[in-house]
Amino acid sequence: MQRFLSDLTGASTRWGRTILYGFIAARASITLVGIAVVLIWGEAGYEGFSGLLDQADLVVALVAIAVAPLVEQLMVLFIVWVLAFVLRLPGGIAAVLTGLGFGALHGLAPASLSVVPLFILLALIQIHWARRRKGMTGFWIGVAIHALTNATAVGTLFLLEAPPA
């Protein structure tokens, strides 16, 4: 279990496992939180949530898979640097604050909670790699996890919108 958590959070040097485990953990947490939101609030839990895409098209796909991961991981890099390295907050606290902040950036709907675990994980990965003085490695690992996570969401939308055969 220790090795898995080390790989998941980027504390190990096995970045391929970090990307794979991070992607799996992100999709699982988003799905579980999404189910909880629907069970508790119904569809009203998604009103005002910017993380959902109303329709899938190539522009939305490009933004979700290429632009959003780069921009948001750059923001994670900066926020983590300020919280963990300038203000010297413990890594776990800095990661949770980063995750909550990104949840709020995705809207104040209950569904915004679904992205919090992903951004906590991305922050933890960034912190671990920054402590090794390889912050850009953490950046690119985070971008890869985020892009894969968004790609599955966009792919699912394309499949759901496909006309019946």
Foldseek 3Di string as FASTA:
>chain_A
DVVLVCLCLQLDVPLVSVLVNLLVVLLVLLVVLVVVQCVPPNPQLCVFFQVDDPAFDPVVLCCQQPVVLLVLLVVLLVQLCCVCPVVNDPQQVSLQVQLVVQLVVRGPRSSSNSRSVSSSSLNSSQVSCVVVVNNVSSSVSSSSSSNSNSNVNSVVRCVVPDDDD
